[in-house]
Protein backbone atom coordinates (compact mmCIF):
# COMPACT_ATOMS: atom_id res chain seq x y z
CA UNK A 1 -29.02 16.27 14.50
CA UNK A 2 -25.76 15.35 16.20
CA UNK A 3 -22.61 17.33 16.99
CA UNK A 4 -19.82 14.79 16.80
CA UNK A 5 -16.03 14.82 16.38
CA UNK A 6 -15.10 12.58 13.47
CA UNK A 7 -11.71 10.94 13.05
CA UNK A 8 -10.34 10.87 9.52
CA UNK A 9 -9.46 7.36 8.42
CA UNK A 10 -8.42 7.87 4.81
CA UNK A 11 -8.26 10.48 2.07
CA UNK A 12 -7.99 10.11 -1.69
CA UNK A 13 -7.82 12.54 -4.61
CA UNK A 14 -10.49 11.92 -7.26
CA UNK A 15 -9.31 13.58 -10.47
CA UNK A 16 -10.39 17.20 -10.44
CA UNK A 17 -13.61 16.44 -8.56
CA UNK A 18 -12.02 16.86 -5.15
CA UNK A 19 -10.86 14.82 -2.18
CA UNK A 20 -12.77 11.88 -0.73
CA UNK A 21 -12.52 11.95 3.05
CA UNK A 22 -13.48 8.78 4.95
CA UNK A 23 -14.46 9.55 8.54
CA UNK A 24 -15.31 7.50 11.62
CA UNK A 25 -18.53 9.07 12.92
CA UNK A 26 -20.78 6.24 14.17
CA UNK A 27 -23.60 8.33 15.61
CA UNK A 28 -24.02 10.37 12.44
CA UNK A 29 -23.60 7.31 10.19
CA UNK A 30 -26.41 5.56 12.07
CA UNK A 31 -28.91 8.26 11.09
CA UNK A 32 -27.60 9.53 7.75
CA UNK A 33 -29.58 9.03 4.52
CA UNK A 34 -28.91 9.66 0.85
CA UNK A 35 -29.32 13.33 -0.01
CA UNK A 36 -28.66 14.61 3.49
CA UNK A 37 -25.52 16.53 4.40
CA UNK A 38 -23.15 17.29 7.24
CA UNK A 39 -21.93 20.74 8.28
CA UNK A 40 -18.17 20.73 8.85
CA UNK A 41 -16.20 23.26 10.89
CA UNK A 42 -13.38 24.44 8.56
CA UNK A 43 -10.66 25.03 11.14
CA UNK A 44 -9.81 25.16 14.80
CA UNK A 45 -10.39 28.91 15.28
CA UNK A 46 -13.11 31.34 14.25
CA UNK A 47 -11.50 32.10 10.91
CA UNK A 48 -13.14 30.99 8.67
CA UNK A 49 -16.24 31.50 10.78
CA UNK A 50 -18.91 29.53 8.94
CA UNK A 51 -19.13 25.76 8.58
CA UNK A 52 -19.14 24.11 5.15
CA UNK A 53 -21.93 21.76 3.94
CA UNK A 54 -21.04 18.45 2.24
CA UNK A 55 -23.45 15.78 1.05
CA UNK A 56 -22.74 12.25 2.18
CA UNK A 57 -20.74 10.47 -0.50
CA UNK A 58 -20.96 7.10 1.25
CA UNK A 59 -22.69 5.82 4.38
CA UNK A 60 -21.52 2.65 6.13
CA UNK A 61 -23.71 2.16 9.17
CA UNK A 62 -22.17 -1.17 10.11
CA UNK A 63 -18.65 0.29 10.23
CA UNK A 64 -19.86 3.60 11.66
CA UNK A 65 -18.27 5.57 8.82
CA UNK A 66 -19.22 8.25 6.30
CA UNK A 67 -17.43 9.69 3.30
CA UNK A 68 -17.49 13.26 2.03
CA UNK A 69 -16.41 14.58 -1.36
CA UNK A 70 -14.63 17.85 -0.59
CA UNK A 71 -13.89 20.42 -3.26
CA UNK A 72 -10.94 22.54 -2.04
CA UNK A 73 -12.61 25.89 -2.68
CA UNK A 74 -11.65 28.85 -0.50
CA UNK A 75 -9.67 28.66 2.73
CA UNK A 76 -12.33 26.56 4.48
CA UNK A 77 -12.60 23.93 1.77
CA UNK A 78 -8.83 23.86 1.35
CA UNK A 79 -8.34 23.29 5.07
CA UNK A 80 -10.82 20.40 5.18
CA UNK A 81 -9.41 18.80 2.02
CA UNK A 82 -5.88 19.01 3.43
CA UNK A 83 -6.65 16.99 6.58
CA UNK A 84 -4.92 13.64 6.91
CA UNK A 85 -5.66 10.29 8.62
CA UNK A 86 -5.79 10.70 12.37
CA UNK A 87 -6.96 14.32 12.21
CA UNK A 88 -10.32 15.24 13.71
CA UNK A 89 -13.22 17.09 12.10
CA UNK A 90 -16.04 18.81 13.95
CA UNK A 91 -19.25 17.53 12.32
CA UNK A 92 -22.88 18.60 12.66
CA UNK A 93 -25.49 16.36 11.07
CA UNK A 94 -27.20 14.66 9.45
CA UNK A 95 -29.13 17.66 8.14
CA UNK A 96 -31.80 18.22 5.51
CA UNK A 97 -34.22 16.03 3.60
CA UNK A 98 -33.42 12.75 1.86
CA UNK A 99 -34.27 10.90 -1.35
CA UNK A 100 -37.09 8.37 -1.25
CA UNK A 101 -36.84 5.37 -3.58
CA UNK A 102 -40.23 3.78 -4.16
CA UNK A 103 -40.66 0.10 -3.37
CA UNK A 104 -42.21 -0.52 -6.77
CA UNK A 105 -39.21 0.93 -8.65
CA UNK A 106 -37.43 -1.69 -10.75
CA UNK A 107 -35.27 0.56 -12.93
CA UNK A 108 -33.66 3.47 -11.07
CA UNK A 109 -31.95 6.23 -13.07
CA UNK A 110 -29.45 8.44 -11.23
CA UNK A 111 -28.20 11.63 -12.91
CA UNK A 112 -25.13 13.45 -11.60
CA UNK A 113 -22.87 16.35 -12.43
CA UNK A 114 -19.71 17.36 -10.61
CA UNK A 115 -19.75 16.91 -6.85
CA UNK A 116 -23.46 16.12 -7.21
CA UNK A 117 -22.31 12.55 -7.71
CA UNK A 118 -22.00 12.23 -3.91
CA UNK A 119 -25.64 11.44 -3.02
CA UNK A 120 -26.03 9.50 -6.26
CA UNK A 121 -23.20 7.21 -5.17
CA UNK A 122 -24.97 6.64 -1.83
CA UNK A 123 -28.14 5.70 -3.69
CA UNK A 124 -26.22 3.44 -6.09
CA UNK A 125 -24.65 1.49 -3.23
CA UNK A 126 -27.92 1.39 -1.30
CA UNK A 127 -30.11 0.24 -4.18
CA UNK A 128 -27.83 -1.89 -6.40
CA UNK A 129 -28.81 -5.14 -4.68
CA UNK A 130 -32.55 -4.36 -4.80
CA UNK A 131 -33.21 -3.12 -8.34
CA UNK A 132 -31.57 -2.20 -11.65
CA UNK A 133 -29.53 0.99 -11.29
CA UNK A 134 -28.01 3.19 -13.98
CA UNK A 135 -25.85 6.20 -13.15
CA UNK A 136 -25.58 8.87 -15.83
CA UNK A 137 -22.82 11.36 -15.07
CA UNK A 138 -21.60 14.38 -17.00
CA UNK A 139 -18.44 16.46 -16.69
CA UNK A 140 -16.32 18.93 -18.59
CA UNK A 141 -13.64 16.27 -19.15
CA UNK A 142 -12.70 12.76 -18.04
CA UNK A 143 -11.02 14.24 -14.96
CA UNK A 144 -14.42 15.49 -13.77
CA UNK A 145 -15.99 12.01 -13.76
CA UNK A 146 -16.40 9.61 -10.87
CA UNK A 147 -14.18 6.48 -11.15
CA UNK A 148 -16.15 3.43 -12.21
CA UNK A 149 -14.25 1.19 -9.78
CA UNK A 150 -15.81 3.12 -6.91
CA UNK A 151 -19.31 1.98 -7.89
CA UNK A 152 -21.00 -1.38 -7.26
CA UNK A 153 -20.22 -3.76 -10.18
CA UNK A 154 -23.89 -4.21 -11.02
CA UNK A 155 -24.48 -0.48 -11.60
CA UNK A 156 -24.56 0.50 -15.27
CA UNK A 157 -22.40 3.62 -15.69
CA UNK A 158 -23.00 6.00 -18.59
CA UNK A 159 -20.81 9.09 -18.95
CA UNK A 160 -20.76 12.27 -20.99
CA UNK A 161 -17.96 14.83 -21.37
CA UNK A 162 -18.23 18.24 -22.95
CA UNK A 163 -14.78 17.94 -24.55
CA UNK A 164 -15.36 14.39 -25.80
CA UNK A 165 -12.44 12.99 -23.78
CA UNK A 166 -14.54 10.08 -22.50
CA UNK A 167 -17.97 8.58 -23.04
CA UNK A 168 -20.62 10.41 -25.04
CA UNK A 169 -19.71 13.88 -26.26
CA UNK A 170 -22.03 16.47 -24.81
CA UNK A 171 -24.02 16.85 -21.62
CA UNK A 172 -26.26 14.49 -19.68
CA UNK A 173 -29.32 15.73 -21.56
CA UNK A 174 -27.71 14.49 -24.79
CA UNK A 175 -27.65 10.92 -23.46
CA UNK A 176 -30.68 10.75 -21.22
CA UNK A 177 -33.40 9.98 -23.80
CA UNK A 178 -33.12 6.17 -24.02
CA UNK A 179 -32.50 5.93 -20.29
CA UNK A 180 -35.68 7.85 -19.51
CA UNK A 181 -37.66 5.41 -21.62
CA UNK A 182 -36.18 2.58 -19.52
CA UNK A 183 -36.48 4.12 -16.05
CA UNK A 184 -39.25 3.86 -13.49
CA UNK A 185 -37.80 6.57 -11.24
CA UNK A 186 -35.26 9.38 -11.58
CA UNK A 187 -33.08 11.03 -8.94
CA UNK A 188 -30.49 13.69 -9.69
CA UNK A 189 -27.97 16.09 -8.21
CA UNK A 190 -25.59 18.53 -9.82
CA UNK A 191 -25.01 22.16 -10.75
CA UNK A 192 -27.97 24.47 -11.22
CA UNK A 193 -27.78 24.55 -15.07
CA UNK A 194 -27.94 20.74 -15.19
CA UNK A 195 -30.93 20.62 -12.87
CA UNK A 196 -32.59 23.41 -14.86
CA UNK A 197 -32.12 21.37 -18.06
CA UNK A 198 -33.84 18.43 -16.39
CA UNK A 199 -36.61 20.79 -15.35
CA UNK A 200 -37.12 21.87 -18.97
CA UNK A 201 -37.34 18.23 -20.05
CA UNK A 202 -39.98 17.74 -17.39
CA UNK A 203 -41.96 20.68 -18.76
CA UNK A 204 -41.86 19.11 -22.22
CA UNK A 205 -43.03 15.79 -20.80
CA UNK A 206 -45.86 17.49 -18.93
CA UNK A 207 -47.15 18.99 -22.16
CA UNK A 208 -46.87 15.72 -24.13
CA UNK A 209 -48.72 12.71 -22.65
CA UNK A 210 -46.83 10.31 -24.99
CA UNK A 211 -43.38 11.67 -24.06
CA UNK A 212 -40.89 8.78 -23.53
CA UNK A 213 -39.95 8.67 -19.89
CA UNK A 214 -42.79 10.95 -18.88
CA UNK A 215 -43.47 9.26 -15.52
CA UNK A 216 -39.92 9.34 -14.12
CA UNK A 217 -39.54 12.97 -15.20
CA UNK A 218 -42.84 14.05 -13.68
CA UNK A 219 -42.01 12.34 -10.37
CA UNK A 220 -38.27 13.09 -10.34
CA UNK A 221 -36.45 14.12 -7.17
CA UNK A 222 -33.38 16.36 -7.16
CA UNK A 223 -30.87 17.52 -4.56
CA UNK A 224 -29.86 21.19 -4.85
CA UNK A 225 -26.24 22.12 -4.20
CA UNK A 226 -25.93 25.40 -2.33
CA UNK A 227 -23.68 27.54 -0.16
CA UNK A 228 -25.12 27.88 3.34
CA UNK A 229 -24.66 30.05 6.38
CA UNK A 230 -26.18 28.49 9.48
CA UNK A 231 -27.69 25.34 7.89
CA UNK A 232 -30.35 25.60 10.61
CA UNK A 233 -32.97 27.53 8.63
CA UNK A 234 -32.41 30.83 10.43
CA UNK A 235 -30.20 32.97 8.17
CA UNK A 236 -32.18 32.27 4.97
CA UNK A 237 -29.01 32.46 2.90
CA UNK A 238 -29.91 29.37 0.85
CA UNK A 239 -33.42 30.20 -0.37
CA UNK A 240 -34.86 28.86 -3.63
CA UNK A 241 -38.23 29.63 -5.14
CA UNK A 242 -40.62 26.68 -5.31
CA UNK A 243 -44.24 26.08 -6.23
CA UNK A 244 -45.05 26.41 -2.53
CA UNK A 245 -43.10 29.67 -2.14
CA UNK A 246 -39.64 30.34 -0.77
CA UNK A 247 -37.86 27.25 0.54
CA UNK A 248 -34.61 26.90 2.47
CA UNK A 249 -32.26 24.36 0.94
CA UNK A 250 -30.93 23.46 4.40
CA UNK A 251 -34.36 22.73 5.91
CA UNK A 252 -37.01 22.06 3.26
CA UNK A 253 -34.24 20.66 1.04
CA UNK A 254 -31.77 19.84 -0.23
CA UNK A 255 -34.02 17.20 -1.84
CA UNK A 256 -37.00 18.63 -3.73
CA UNK A 257 -39.43 17.39 -6.33
CA UNK A 258 -38.09 18.46 -9.71
CA UNK A 259 -41.40 20.04 -10.64
CA UNK A 260 -41.50 22.16 -7.48
CA UNK A 261 -38.35 24.18 -8.19
CA UNK A 262 -38.83 27.39 -10.20
CA UNK A 263 -35.57 27.36 -12.15
CA UNK A 264 -36.53 30.38 -14.24
CA UNK A 265 -36.64 32.50 -11.07
CA UNK A 266 -32.87 32.31 -10.66
CA UNK A 267 -30.22 30.38 -8.80
CA UNK A 268 -30.38 29.59 -5.08
CA UNK A 269 -30.30 32.56 -2.69
CA UNK A 270 -30.46 35.10 -5.56
CA UNK A 271 -34.21 35.63 -5.43
CA UNK A 272 -37.18 35.27 -3.18
CA UNK A 273 -35.55 36.26 0.08
CA UNK A 274 -37.68 39.37 0.60
CA UNK A 275 -40.96 37.98 -0.67
């Protein structure tokens, strides 16, 4: 874990997803991995007090750069998203657990929703030259999708929109069937309802030995998006319930095995804190 000032190199608006912020932070970039996050100080004073967590959206170790996808929510998020090239950001990271792609994987399926595309993009860029990669992304409309020109050309990109404005009409679970049958491994990140839907598919696969795509579902890894306080494991403001008991998203996560998360127990930090 490194405390490092990062210099903003470039910013870009990505539809309604948020602002991509490219930052020179060589020490953090050297250690960062897909699924991990950085805790960003949202101002130059003590208001707002708490840092904001953002998953790495891109990691360029050679250039010493990282990218973050910042949703301008609240005064802290708005302040970070409004920074411009040349401004400095106070960064703490890399924090949390990371995705592990198995050496034997030939067909990697990535599933994303909303700002959960950030770690999926890191995996896509990291793995595109090593194996077949398909990214399945869902959003409310075309404005909530990641631009295809910001993915490696070899990555197959499948999209769904709830309003039918682009790609397949519906949600990622409406398009995932054939892709599961193709995949060797699945990694995902997105809002809690999307992850819960994947968890229910996994439960179905567990009960049916002939379920298409059973293996990637059973072994799937997910990154949980969550508000955090300290991001050091002390405040316990980001607890989820898992098969092993209460788990802190900032320390034991944000990457978990899909089958370990008890989605029916409630969203992060709403249950389990007193147990």
